[in-house]
Amino acid sequence: MVSRLVRVVGVLGLGASVAGGLPAGAAAQTGPPANVPRAEIPRTPTGRPDMNGIWQSLGNHHWDIEAHQARAALDFQPGPIIPVPARGVVALGALGAVPPGWGAVEGGEIPYLPEALAVREENREHYLERDPAIKCFLPGVPRAVLEPMPFQIFQSEGHFLIAYEFADAVRDIYMEDPGPSVLDAWMGQSVGRWEGDTFVVEVNAFNGMTWFDRAGNHHSAALTVTERYTLVTPYHIWYEATMEDPNTFTRPWTIRLPLYKQIDPNARLGRFKCIEFVEELMYGDLRKTPVGAEEESGGAR
């Protein structure tokens, strides 16, 4: 029983050495860890790694990119003894609960400024009202990579485009820097380059309205993200994203995780145009008689 509890503690990320990888403040490592398997990779006619295909992040990082334990919900309301799941999620039962995760943040913890950490905690208390993904707003970077839906890379000698299933998001990655963006955007502006076999993407010009996950982890419009895509086998990309935002964080920090290629011959990138799915959420109260009003008024018309 004790040994089982020890294993559970490790799985839930309750030990810093298990959950976070490097200790806070340690020098960041670039590139896949030594224990990541390597194999001969497919290449384009000019010798670049060929990343064309449908890819997906696995694990529970989209719930919370920090190591976390399982909990009953993302949003709570006061209960008779302890808080209980909020009214909007209580009917979902176990499907509205948060599974545990080992985290993707190098060092184990996002280095928030004190005032930004307070905002993160407020976000968690008002999750159903604040998470932009609930209303089908574009997910931003790197959240688009972490979402539990696949994305497809389209790569040629002179172009690199990523299409995401969630919200039909698309990133056309410039291979030559066009200069500062004329406006801020949900997905920012992406400029890519090759460093050996690693594709590096610099992303900025964010509107500051996206989150990193469902746990309220946030940033400002000053965010810049440096992504690194390294094809380590024909079926695995080692992904890293380093965040810099002096308005929100005390220092740059990095997430690191593998991406997996879909090998199902029937795999296709579906369309999840969720804007039409949230019309009731966003505009239902504008109806002359909102849905459910009859029940709340005892059936009177």
C-alpha atoms as a PDB file:
ATOM      1  CA  MET A   1       0.000   0.000   0.000  1.00  0.00           C
ATOM      2  CA  VAL A   2       2.801   2.418   0.895  1.00  0.00           C
ATOM      3  CA  SER A   3       4.669   1.684  -2.328  1.00  0.00           C
ATOM      4  CA  ARG A   4       1.460   2.305  -4.288  1.00  0.00           C
ATOM      5  CA  LEU A   5       1.016   5.675  -2.572  1.00  0.00           C
ATOM      6  CA  VAL A   6       4.599   6.575  -3.442  1.00  0.00           C
ATOM      7  CA  ARG A   7       3.891   5.800  -7.077  1.00  0.00           C
ATOM      8  CA  VAL A   8       0.700   7.836  -6.978  1.00  0.00           C
ATOM      9  CA  VAL A   9       2.549  10.810  -5.477  1.00  0.00           C
ATOM     10  CA  GLY A  10       5.012  10.624  -8.336  1.00  0.00           C
ATOM     11  CA  VAL A  11       2.288  10.395 -10.973  1.00  0.00           C
ATOM     12  CA  LEU A  12       0.456  13.397  -9.539  1.00  0.00           C
ATOM     13  CA  GLY A  13       3.571  15.506  -9.657  1.00  0.00           C
ATOM     14  CA  LEU A  14       3.779  16.184  -5.923  1.00  0.00           C
ATOM     15  CA  GLY A  15       7.551  15.917  -5.902  1.00  0.00           C
ATOM     16  CA  ALA A  16       9.486  18.724  -7.569  1.00  0.00           C
ATOM     17  CA  SER A  17      12.024  16.352  -9.089  1.00  0.00           C
ATOM     18  CA  VAL A  18       9.218  14.312 -10.711  1.00  0.00           C
ATOM     19  CA  ALA A  19       6.860  17.105 -11.727  1.00  0.00           C
ATOM     20  CA  GLY A  20       9.114  19.819 -12.958  1.00  0.00           C
ATOM     21  CA  GLY A  21      12.220  18.303 -14.489  1.00  0.00           C
ATOM     22  CA  LEU A  22      14.831  20.959 -13.846  1.00  0.00           C
ATOM     23  CA  PRO A  23      14.635  22.918 -10.573  1.00  0.00           C
ATOM     24  CA  ALA A  24      13.453  26.524 -10.745  1.00  0.00           C
ATOM     25  CA  GLY A  25      16.181  28.860 -11.886  1.00  0.00           C
ATOM     26  CA  ALA A  26      18.238  26.133 -13.587  1.00  0.00           C
ATOM     27  CA  ALA A  27      19.635  26.780 -17.037  1.00  0.00           C
ATOM     28  CA  ALA A  28      17.121  25.816 -19.723  1.00  0.00           C
ATOM     29  CA  GLN A  29      17.978  22.861 -21.934  1.00  0.00           C
ATOM     30  CA  THR A  30      17.409  23.230 -25.670  1.00  0.00           C
ATOM     31  CA  GLY A  31      16.596  20.228 -27.795  1.00  0.00           C
ATOM     32  CA  PRO A  32      15.212  16.784 -26.987  1.00  0.00           C
ATOM     33  CA  PRO A  33      16.398  15.169 -23.735  1.00  0.00           C
ATOM     34  CA  ALA A  34      18.923  12.371 -23.968  1.00  0.00           C
ATOM     35  CA  ASN A  35      16.313   9.725 -23.199  1.00  0.00           C
ATOM     36  CA  VAL A  36      14.105  10.667 -26.183  1.00  0.00           C
ATOM     37  CA  PRO A  37      14.408   7.941 -28.849  1.00  0.00           C
ATOM     38  CA  ARG A  38      15.967   8.985 -32.159  1.00  0.00           C
ATOM     39  CA  ALA A  39      15.556   7.347 -35.551  1.00  0.00           C
ATOM     40  CA  GLU A  40      16.112   8.023 -39.223  1.00  0.00           C
ATOM     41  CA  ILE A  41      13.672  10.738 -40.297  1.00  0.00           C
ATOM     42  CA  PRO A  42      12.013  11.545 -43.633  1.00  0.00           C
ATOM     43  CA  ARG A  43      13.509  14.474 -45.512  1.00  0.00           C
ATOM     44  CA  THR A  44      12.492  16.795 -48.341  1.00  0.00           C
ATOM     45  CA  PRO A  45      14.415  16.789 -51.642  1.00  0.00           C
ATOM     46  CA  THR A  46      16.669  19.545 -50.264  1.00  0.00           C
ATOM     47  CA  GLY A  47      17.424  17.610 -47.081  1.00  0.00           C
ATOM     48  CA  ARG A  48      15.137  19.396 -44.604  1.00  0.00           C
ATOM     49  CA  PRO A  49      13.197  17.282 -42.086  1.00  0.00           C
ATOM     50  CA  ASP A  50       9.798  16.518 -43.600  1.00  0.00           C
ATOM     51  CA  MET A  51       7.105  17.311 -41.005  1.00  0.00           C
ATOM     52  CA  ASN A  52       4.117  17.061 -43.321  1.00  0.00           C
ATOM     53  CA  GLY A  53       1.227  15.232 -41.696  1.00  0.00           C
ATOM     54  CA  ILE A  54      -1.373  15.264 -38.944  1.00  0.00           C
ATOM     55  CA  TRP A  55       0.009  15.662 -35.429  1.00  0.00           C
ATOM     56  CA  GLN A  56      -1.425  15.721 -31.931  1.00  0.00           C
ATOM     57  CA  SER A  57      -0.411  16.433 -28.349  1.00  0.00           C
ATOM     58  CA  LEU A  58      -1.259  13.698 -25.856  1.00  0.00           C
ATOM     59  CA  GLY A  59      -1.579  13.886 -22.084  1.00  0.00           C
ATOM     60  CA  ASN A  60      -3.461  16.375 -19.928  1.00  0.00           C
ATOM     61  CA  HIS A  61      -1.436  19.536 -20.512  1.00  0.00           C
ATOM     62  CA  HIS A  62      -4.439  21.309 -22.047  1.00  0.00           C
ATOM     63  CA  TRP A  63      -6.157  21.189 -18.649  1.00  0.00           C
ATOM     64  CA  ASP A  64      -3.194  22.737 -16.833  1.00  0.00           C
ATOM     65  CA  ILE A  65       0.363  23.037 -18.153  1.00  0.00           C
ATOM     66  CA  GLU A  66       1.701  22.910 -14.598  1.00  0.00           C
ATOM     67  CA  ALA A  67       1.781  19.592 -12.738  1.00  0.00           C
ATOM     68  CA  HIS A  68      -1.569  19.133 -11.025  1.00  0.00           C
ATOM     69  CA  GLN A  69      -3.700  16.684  -9.105  1.00  0.00           C
ATOM     70  CA  ALA A  70      -7.149  15.516 -10.144  1.00  0.00           C
ATOM     71  CA  ARG A  71      -9.972  17.753  -8.936  1.00  0.00           C
ATOM     72  CA  ALA A  72     -13.737  17.748  -9.194  1.00  0.00           C
ATOM     73  CA  ALA A  73     -14.064  20.682 -11.615  1.00  0.00           C
ATOM     74  CA  LEU A  74     -12.407  23.760 -13.044  1.00  0.00           C
ATOM     75  CA  ASP A  75     -15.037  26.028 -11.523  1.00  0.00           C
ATOM     76  CA  PHE A  76     -16.641  25.723  -8.087  1.00  0.00           C
ATOM     77  CA  GLN A  77     -19.460  27.212  -6.034  1.00  0.00           C
ATOM     78  CA  PRO A  78     -19.870  27.273  -2.247  1.00  0.00           C
ATOM     79  CA  GLY A  79     -21.168  24.009  -0.789  1.00  0.00           C
ATOM     80  CA  PRO A  80     -22.587  23.077   2.627  1.00  0.00           C
ATOM     81  CA  ILE A  81     -19.165  21.927   3.852  1.00  0.00           C
ATOM     82  CA  ILE A  82     -16.634  22.367   1.035  1.00  0.00           C
ATOM     83  CA  PRO A  83     -16.899  23.947  -2.435  1.00  0.00           C
ATOM     84  CA  VAL A  84     -18.729  21.849  -5.032  1.00  0.00           C
ATOM     85  CA  PRO A  85     -18.649  22.008  -8.854  1.00  0.00           C
ATOM     86  CA  ALA A  86     -20.251  25.144 -10.255  1.00  0.00           C
ATOM     87  CA  ARG A  87     -23.812  24.963 -11.538  1.00  0.00           C
ATOM     88  CA  GLY A  88     -22.668  25.101 -15.137  1.00  0.00           C
ATOM     89  CA  VAL A  89     -20.568  21.931 -14.851  1.00  0.00           C
ATOM     90  CA  VAL A  90     -22.179  19.888 -12.080  1.00  0.00           C
ATOM     91  CA  ALA A  91     -24.403  17.988 -14.549  1.00  0.00           C
ATOM     92  CA  LEU A  92     -21.309  16.748 -16.377  1.00  0.00           C
ATOM     93  CA  GLY A  93     -20.231  14.716 -13.366  1.00  0.00           C
ATOM     94  CA  ALA A  94     -16.955  12.898 -13.970  1.00  0.00           C
ATOM     95  CA  LEU A  95     -16.719  14.340 -17.490  1.00  0.00           C
ATOM     96  CA  GLY A  96     -16.467  17.813 -15.990  1.00  0.00           C
ATOM     97  CA  ALA A  97     -13.689  16.799 -13.606  1.00  0.00           C
ATOM     98  CA  VAL A  98      -9.993  17.538 -14.159  1.00  0.00           C
ATOM     99  CA  PRO A  99      -7.662  14.542 -14.623  1.00  0.00           C
ATOM    100  CA  PRO A 100      -4.152  14.667 -13.109  1.00  0.00           C
ATOM    101  CA  GLY A 101      -1.174  15.733 -15.186  1.00  0.00           C
ATOM    102  CA  TRP A 102       2.592  15.630 -14.866  1.00  0.00           C
ATOM    103  CA  GLY A 103       3.010  19.096 -16.358  1.00  0.00           C
ATOM    104  CA  ALA A 104       5.038  20.469 -19.248  1.00  0.00           C
ATOM    105  CA  VAL A 105       6.633  23.501 -17.571  1.00  0.00           C
ATOM    106  CA  GLU A 106      10.382  23.261 -17.210  1.00  0.00           C
ATOM    107  CA  GLY A 107      11.195  23.984 -13.575  1.00  0.00           C
ATOM    108  CA  GLY A 108       7.690  22.917 -12.536  1.00  0.00           C
ATOM    109  CA  GLU A 109       6.141  26.353 -11.999  1.00  0.00           C
ATOM    110  CA  ILE A 110       5.296  29.372 -14.133  1.00  0.00           C
ATOM    111  CA  PRO A 111       7.294  32.359 -12.788  1.00  0.00           C
ATOM    112  CA  TYR A 112       4.460  34.867 -12.385  1.00  0.00           C
ATOM    113  CA  LEU A 113       4.839  38.385 -11.096  1.00  0.00           C
ATOM    114  CA  PRO A 114       2.805  38.687  -7.858  1.00  0.00           C
ATOM    115  CA  GLU A 115       0.027  40.743  -9.433  1.00  0.00           C
ATOM    116  CA  ALA A 116      -0.166  38.389 -12.449  1.00  0.00           C
ATOM    117  CA  LEU A 117      -0.390  35.376 -10.144  1.00  0.00           C
ATOM    118  CA  ALA A 118      -3.366  37.021  -8.437  1.00  0.00           C
ATOM    119  CA  VAL A 119      -5.054  37.360 -11.839  1.00  0.00           C
ATOM    120  CA  ARG A 120      -4.426  33.669 -12.513  1.00  0.00           C
ATOM    121  CA  GLU A 121      -6.174  32.783  -9.261  1.00  0.00           C
ATOM    122  CA  GLU A 122      -9.107  35.060 -10.161  1.00  0.00           C
ATOM    123  CA  ASN A 123      -9.317  33.349 -13.554  1.00  0.00           C
ATOM    124  CA  ARG A 124      -9.648  30.014 -11.799  1.00  0.00           C
ATOM    125  CA  GLU A 125     -12.462  31.312  -9.627  1.00  0.00           C
ATOM    126  CA  HIS A 126     -14.353  32.570 -12.693  1.00  0.00           C
ATOM    127  CA  TYR A 127     -13.357  29.938 -15.241  1.00  0.00           C
ATOM    128  CA  LEU A 128     -16.737  29.577 -16.964  1.00  0.00           C
ATOM    129  CA  GLU A 129     -16.929  33.312 -17.538  1.00  0.00           C
ATOM    130  CA  ARG A 130     -13.320  33.955 -18.533  1.00  0.00           C
ATOM    131  CA  ASP A 131     -11.815  31.087 -20.526  1.00  0.00           C
ATOM    132  CA  PRO A 132     -11.811  32.461 -24.101  1.00  0.00           C
ATOM    133  CA  ALA A 133     -11.893  28.969 -25.617  1.00  0.00           C
ATOM    134  CA  ILE A 134     -15.347  28.357 -24.131  1.00  0.00           C
ATOM    135  CA  LYS A 135     -16.656  31.042 -26.501  1.00  0.00           C
ATOM    136  CA  CYS A 136     -14.688  29.594 -29.435  1.00  0.00           C
ATOM    137  CA  PHE A 137     -12.172  32.400 -29.633  1.00  0.00           C
ATOM    138  CA  LEU A 138      -8.951  31.363 -31.371  1.00  0.00           C
ATOM    139  CA  PRO A 139      -6.666  29.528 -28.931  1.00  0.00           C
ATOM    140  CA  GLY A 140      -3.391  31.383 -29.433  1.00  0.00           C
ATOM    141  CA  VAL A 141       0.123  29.939 -29.191  1.00  0.00           C
ATOM    142  CA  PRO A 142       1.096  27.530 -27.713  1.00  0.00           C
ATOM    143  CA  ARG A 143      -2.426  26.566 -26.601  1.00  0.00           C
ATOM    144  CA  ALA A 144      -3.343  25.632 -30.167  1.00  0.00           C
ATOM    145  CA  VAL A 145      -0.695  22.902 -30.005  1.00  0.00           C
ATOM    146  CA  LEU A 146      -1.870  21.622 -26.607  1.00  0.00           C
ATOM    147  CA  GLU A 147      -5.579  21.346 -27.440  1.00  0.00           C
ATOM    148  CA  PRO A 148      -6.778  17.706 -27.544  1.00  0.00           C
ATOM    149  CA  MET A 149      -7.585  18.003 -31.245  1.00  0.00           C
ATOM    150  CA  PRO A 150      -5.189  17.278 -34.111  1.00  0.00           C
ATOM    151  CA  PHE A 151      -3.468  19.788 -36.329  1.00  0.00           C
ATOM    152  CA  GLN A 152      -1.873  19.434 -39.743  1.00  0.00           C
ATOM    153  CA  ILE A 153       1.476  20.719 -40.968  1.00  0.00           C
ATOM    154  CA  PHE A 154       1.770  21.685 -44.639  1.00  0.00           C
ATOM    155  CA  GLN A 155       5.437  22.114 -45.512  1.00  0.00           C
ATOM    156  CA  SER A 156       7.140  22.890 -48.807  1.00  0.00           C
ATOM    157  CA  GLU A 157      10.561  24.246 -49.644  1.00  0.00           C
ATOM    158  CA  GLY A 158       9.382  27.828 -49.282  1.00  0.00           C
ATOM    159  CA  HIS A 159       6.256  27.651 -47.131  1.00  0.00           C
ATOM    160  CA  PHE A 160       5.138  26.350 -43.735  1.00  0.00           C
ATOM    161  CA  LEU A 161       1.485  26.393 -42.721  1.00  0.00           C
ATOM    162  CA  ILE A 162      -0.257  24.830 -39.717  1.00  0.00           C
ATOM    163  CA  ALA A 163      -4.025  24.214 -39.693  1.00  0.00           C
ATOM    164  CA  TYR A 164      -5.732  23.366 -36.398  1.00  0.00           C
ATOM    165  CA  GLU A 165      -9.000  21.531 -35.938  1.00  0.00           C
ATOM    166  CA  PHE A 166     -10.110  23.699 -32.996  1.00  0.00           C
ATOM    167  CA  ALA A 167     -11.978  26.771 -34.244  1.00  0.00           C
ATOM    168  CA  ASP A 168     -10.537  26.283 -37.760  1.00  0.00           C
ATOM    169  CA  ALA A 169      -7.435  28.174 -36.643  1.00  0.00           C
ATOM    170  CA  VAL A 170      -4.645  28.605 -39.220  1.00  0.00           C
ATOM    171  CA  ARG A 171      -1.093  29.907 -38.971  1.00  0.00           C
ATOM    172  CA  ASP A 172       0.742  30.913 -42.142  1.00  0.00           C
ATOM    173  CA  ILE A 173       4.343  31.070 -40.953  1.00  0.00           C
ATOM    174  CA  TYR A 174       6.419  33.643 -42.811  1.00  0.00           C
ATOM    175  CA  MET A 175       9.817  32.405 -43.952  1.00  0.00           C
ATOM    176  CA  GLU A 176      11.017  35.986 -44.389  1.00  0.00           C
ATOM    177  CA  ASP A 177      10.373  38.594 -41.703  1.00  0.00           C
ATOM    178  CA  PRO A 178       7.709  41.020 -43.025  1.00  0.00           C
ATOM    179  CA  GLY A 179       8.431  43.511 -40.251  1.00  0.00           C
ATOM    180  CA  PRO A 180       6.169  44.496 -37.347  1.00  0.00           C
ATOM    181  CA  SER A 181       2.562  43.411 -37.616  1.00  0.00           C
ATOM    182  CA  VAL A 182       0.065  46.174 -38.352  1.00  0.00           C
ATOM    183  CA  LEU A 183      -2.316  44.789 -35.726  1.00  0.00           C
ATOM    184  CA  ASP A 184      -2.432  42.415 -32.781  1.00  0.00           C
ATOM    185  CA  ALA A 185      -4.187  39.082 -33.247  1.00  0.00           C
ATOM    186  CA  TRP A 186      -5.359  36.005 -31.341  1.00  0.00           C
ATOM    187  CA  MET A 187      -2.748  33.806 -33.069  1.00  0.00           C
ATOM    188  CA  GLY A 188      -0.080  36.480 -33.303  1.00  0.00           C
ATOM    189  CA  GLN A 189       2.378  36.805 -36.202  1.00  0.00           C
ATOM    190  CA  SER A 190       4.743  33.901 -36.861  1.00  0.00           C
ATOM    191  CA  VAL A 191       8.150  34.049 -38.565  1.00  0.00           C
ATOM    192  CA  GLY A 192      10.074  30.812 -39.090  1.00  0.00           C
ATOM    193  CA  ARG A 193      13.644  29.772 -39.829  1.00  0.00           C
ATOM    194  CA  TRP A 194      15.699  26.587 -39.833  1.00  0.00           C
ATOM    195  CA  GLU A 195      18.467  26.004 -37.320  1.00  0.00           C
ATOM    196  CA  GLY A 196      19.969  22.753 -38.550  1.00  0.00           C
ATOM    197  CA  ASP A 197      17.187  20.161 -38.304  1.00  0.00           C
ATOM    198  CA  THR A 198      15.078  22.277 -35.936  1.00  0.00           C
ATOM    199  CA  PHE A 199      12.336  24.565 -37.229  1.00  0.00           C
ATOM    200  CA  VAL A 200      12.265  27.699 -35.049  1.00  0.00           C
ATOM    201  CA  VAL A 201       9.247  30.030 -35.028  1.00  0.00           C
ATOM    202  CA  GLU A 202       9.193  33.480 -33.408  1.00  0.00           C
ATOM    203  CA  VAL A 203       5.643  34.577 -32.554  1.00  0.00           C
ATOM    204  CA  ASN A 204       4.550  38.039 -31.369  1.00  0.00           C
ATOM    205  CA  ALA A 205       1.842  40.659 -31.953  1.00  0.00           C
ATOM    206  CA  PHE A 206      -0.659  38.887 -29.674  1.00  0.00           C
ATOM    207  CA  ASN A 207      -3.797  40.633 -28.471  1.00  0.00           C
ATOM    208  CA  GLY A 208      -3.201  39.459 -24.880  1.00  0.00           C
ATOM    209  CA  MET A 209      -6.613  37.780 -24.624  1.00  0.00           C
ATOM    210  CA  THR A 210      -5.691  34.097 -24.907  1.00  0.00           C
ATOM    211  CA  TRP A 211      -4.807  31.605 -22.182  1.00  0.00           C
ATOM    212  CA  PHE A 212      -2.209  28.835 -22.168  1.00  0.00           C
ATOM    213  CA  ASP A 213      -4.638  26.190 -20.855  1.00  0.00           C
ATOM    214  CA  ARG A 214      -7.954  25.731 -19.044  1.00  0.00           C
ATOM    215  CA  ALA A 215      -6.469  26.561 -15.647  1.00  0.00           C
ATOM    216  CA  GLY A 216      -6.373  30.343 -16.043  1.00  0.00           C
ATOM    217  CA  ASN A 217      -2.695  30.636 -16.984  1.00  0.00           C
ATOM    218  CA  HIS A 218      -2.494  33.865 -18.936  1.00  0.00           C
ATOM    219  CA  HIS A 219      -0.248  36.519 -20.489  1.00  0.00           C
ATOM    220  CA  SER A 220      -0.341  40.087 -21.771  1.00  0.00           C
ATOM    221  CA  ALA A 221      -0.069  41.540 -25.279  1.00  0.00           C
ATOM    222  CA  ALA A 222       3.691  41.847 -24.682  1.00  0.00           C
ATOM    223  CA  LEU A 223       4.107  38.071 -24.991  1.00  0.00           C
ATOM    224  CA  THR A 224       6.646  36.650 -27.408  1.00  0.00           C
ATOM    225  CA  VAL A 225       6.862  32.902 -27.993  1.00  0.00           C
ATOM    226  CA  THR A 226       9.809  31.030 -29.476  1.00  0.00           C
ATOM    227  CA  GLU A 227       8.776  27.600 -30.718  1.00  0.00           C
ATOM    228  CA  ARG A 228      11.183  24.806 -31.655  1.00  0.00           C
ATOM    229  CA  TYR A 229      10.010  21.784 -33.695  1.00  0.00           C
ATOM    230  CA  THR A 230      12.531  18.918 -33.902  1.00  0.00           C
ATOM    231  CA  LEU A 231      11.602  15.757 -35.807  1.00  0.00           C
ATOM    232  CA  VAL A 232      13.224  12.948 -33.795  1.00  0.00           C
ATOM    233  CA  THR A 233      11.589   9.922 -35.497  1.00  0.00           C
ATOM    234  CA  PRO A 234       9.186   9.631 -38.456  1.00  0.00           C
ATOM    235  CA  TYR A 235       6.348   9.710 -35.900  1.00  0.00           C
ATOM    236  CA  HIS A 236       7.508  12.117 -33.174  1.00  0.00           C
ATOM    237  CA  ILE A 237       8.267  15.835 -32.996  1.00  0.00           C
ATOM    238  CA  TRP A 238       9.950  17.204 -29.904  1.00  0.00           C
ATOM    239  CA  TYR A 239       8.193  20.513 -29.222  1.00  0.00           C
ATOM    240  CA  GLU A 240       9.426  23.404 -27.106  1.00  0.00           C
ATOM    241  CA  ALA A 241       7.944  26.854 -26.573  1.00  0.00           C
ATOM    242  CA  THR A 242       9.665  29.585 -24.572  1.00  0.00           C
ATOM    243  CA  MET A 243       7.486  32.427 -23.286  1.00  0.00           C
ATOM    244  CA  GLU A 244       8.756  35.940 -22.562  1.00  0.00           C
ATOM    245  CA  ASP A 245       6.435  38.610 -21.172  1.00  0.00           C
ATOM    246  CA  PRO A 246       7.888  41.177 -18.753  1.00  0.00           C
ATOM    247  CA  ASN A 247       4.370  42.379 -17.888  1.00  0.00           C
ATOM    248  CA  THR A 248       3.402  38.945 -16.551  1.00  0.00           C
ATOM    249  CA  PHE A 249       6.490  36.856 -15.745  1.00  0.00           C
ATOM    250  CA  THR A 250       9.711  37.414 -13.804  1.00  0.00           C
ATOM    251  CA  ARG A 251      11.783  35.565 -16.430  1.00  0.00           C
ATOM    252  CA  PRO A 252      11.383  33.522 -19.618  1.00  0.00           C
ATOM    253  CA  TRP A 253      10.044  29.985 -19.146  1.00  0.00           C
ATOM    254  CA  THR A 254       9.629  26.947 -21.348  1.00  0.00           C
ATOM    255  CA  ILE A 255       7.257  24.066 -21.964  1.00  0.00           C
ATOM    256  CA  ARG A 256       8.598  20.844 -23.490  1.00  0.00           C
ATOM    257  CA  LEU A 257       6.633  17.847 -24.760  1.00  0.00           C
ATOM    258  CA  PRO A 258       6.418  15.344 -27.629  1.00  0.00           C
ATOM    259  CA  LEU A 259       3.934  15.528 -30.485  1.00  0.00           C
ATOM    260  CA  TYR A 260       2.656  12.334 -32.102  1.00  0.00           C
ATOM    261  CA  LYS A 261       1.905  11.695 -35.770  1.00  0.00           C
ATOM    262  CA  GLN A 262      -1.402  10.148 -36.774  1.00  0.00           C
ATOM    263  CA  ILE A 263      -0.724   6.882 -38.658  1.00  0.00           C
ATOM    264  CA  ASP A 264      -4.350   5.840 -39.118  1.00  0.00           C
ATOM    265  CA  PRO A 265      -4.839   5.696 -42.920  1.00  0.00           C
ATOM    266  CA  ASN A 266      -8.304   7.222 -42.420  1.00  0.00           C
ATOM    267  CA  ALA A 267      -7.006  10.209 -40.433  1.00  0.00           C
ATOM    268  CA  ARG A 268      -8.240  13.553 -41.712  1.00  0.00           C
ATOM    269  CA  LEU A 269      -8.273  17.017 -40.210  1.00  0.00           C
ATOM    270  CA  GLY A 270     -11.916  17.652 -39.358  1.00  0.00           C
ATOM    271  CA  ARG A 271     -13.670  20.989 -39.165  1.00  0.00           C
ATOM    272  CA  PHE A 272     -14.695  22.185 -35.726  1.00  0.00           C
ATOM    273  CA  LYS A 273     -16.340  25.513 -36.542  1.00  0.00           C
ATOM    274  CA  CYS A 274     -17.433  26.004 -32.969  1.00  0.00           C
ATOM    275  CA  ILE A 275     -18.711  29.572 -33.368  1.00  0.00           C
ATOM    276  CA  GLU A 276     -22.111  28.238 -34.364  1.00  0.00           C
ATOM    277  CA  PHE A 277     -22.041  25.868 -31.369  1.00  0.00           C
ATOM    278  CA  VAL A 278     -21.783  28.709 -28.844  1.00  0.00           C
ATOM    279  CA  GLU A 279     -24.472  30.979 -30.259  1.00  0.00           C
ATOM    280  CA  GLU A 280     -26.867  30.007 -27.477  1.00  0.00           C
ATOM    281  CA  LEU A 281     -24.212  30.680 -24.841  1.00  0.00           C
ATOM    282  CA  MET A 282     -23.298  34.084 -26.215  1.00  0.00           C
ATOM    283  CA  TYR A 283     -26.589  35.352 -27.616  1.00  0.00           C
ATOM    284  CA  GLY A 284     -29.345  33.178 -26.127  1.00  0.00           C
ATOM    285  CA  ASP A 285     -30.287  35.854 -23.611  1.00  0.00           C
ATOM    286  CA  LEU A 286     -31.256  38.139 -26.508  1.00  0.00           C
ATOM    287  CA  ARG A 287     -34.202  35.925 -27.426  1.00  0.00           C
ATOM    288  CA  LYS A 288     -37.620  37.417 -26.701  1.00  0.00           C
ATOM    289  CA  THR A 289     -38.217  34.319 -24.586  1.00  0.00           C
ATOM    290  CA  PRO A 290     -34.860  32.762 -23.632  1.00  0.00           C
ATOM    291  CA  VAL A 291     -34.681  28.969 -23.774  1.00  0.00           C
ATOM    292  CA  GLY A 292     -35.571  27.534 -20.381  1.00  0.00           C
ATOM    293  CA  ALA A 293     -37.468  30.627 -19.243  1.00  0.00           C
ATOM    294  CA  GLU A 294     -40.740  28.673 -19.243  1.00  0.00           C
ATOM    295  CA  GLU A 295     -39.395  26.113 -16.793  1.00  0.00           C
ATOM    296  CA  GLU A 296     -37.950  28.762 -14.505  1.00  0.00           C
ATOM    297  CA  SER A 297     -41.275  30.628 -14.464  1.00  0.00           C
ATOM    298  CA  GLY A 298     -43.288  27.488 -13.758  1.00  0.00           C
ATOM    299  CA  GLY A 299     -44.441  26.993 -17.348  1.00  0.00           C
ATOM    300  CA  ALA A 300     -46.263  30.322 -17.688  1.00  0.00           C
ATOM    301  CA  ARG A 301     -46.279  31.894 -21.123  1.00  0.00           C
END
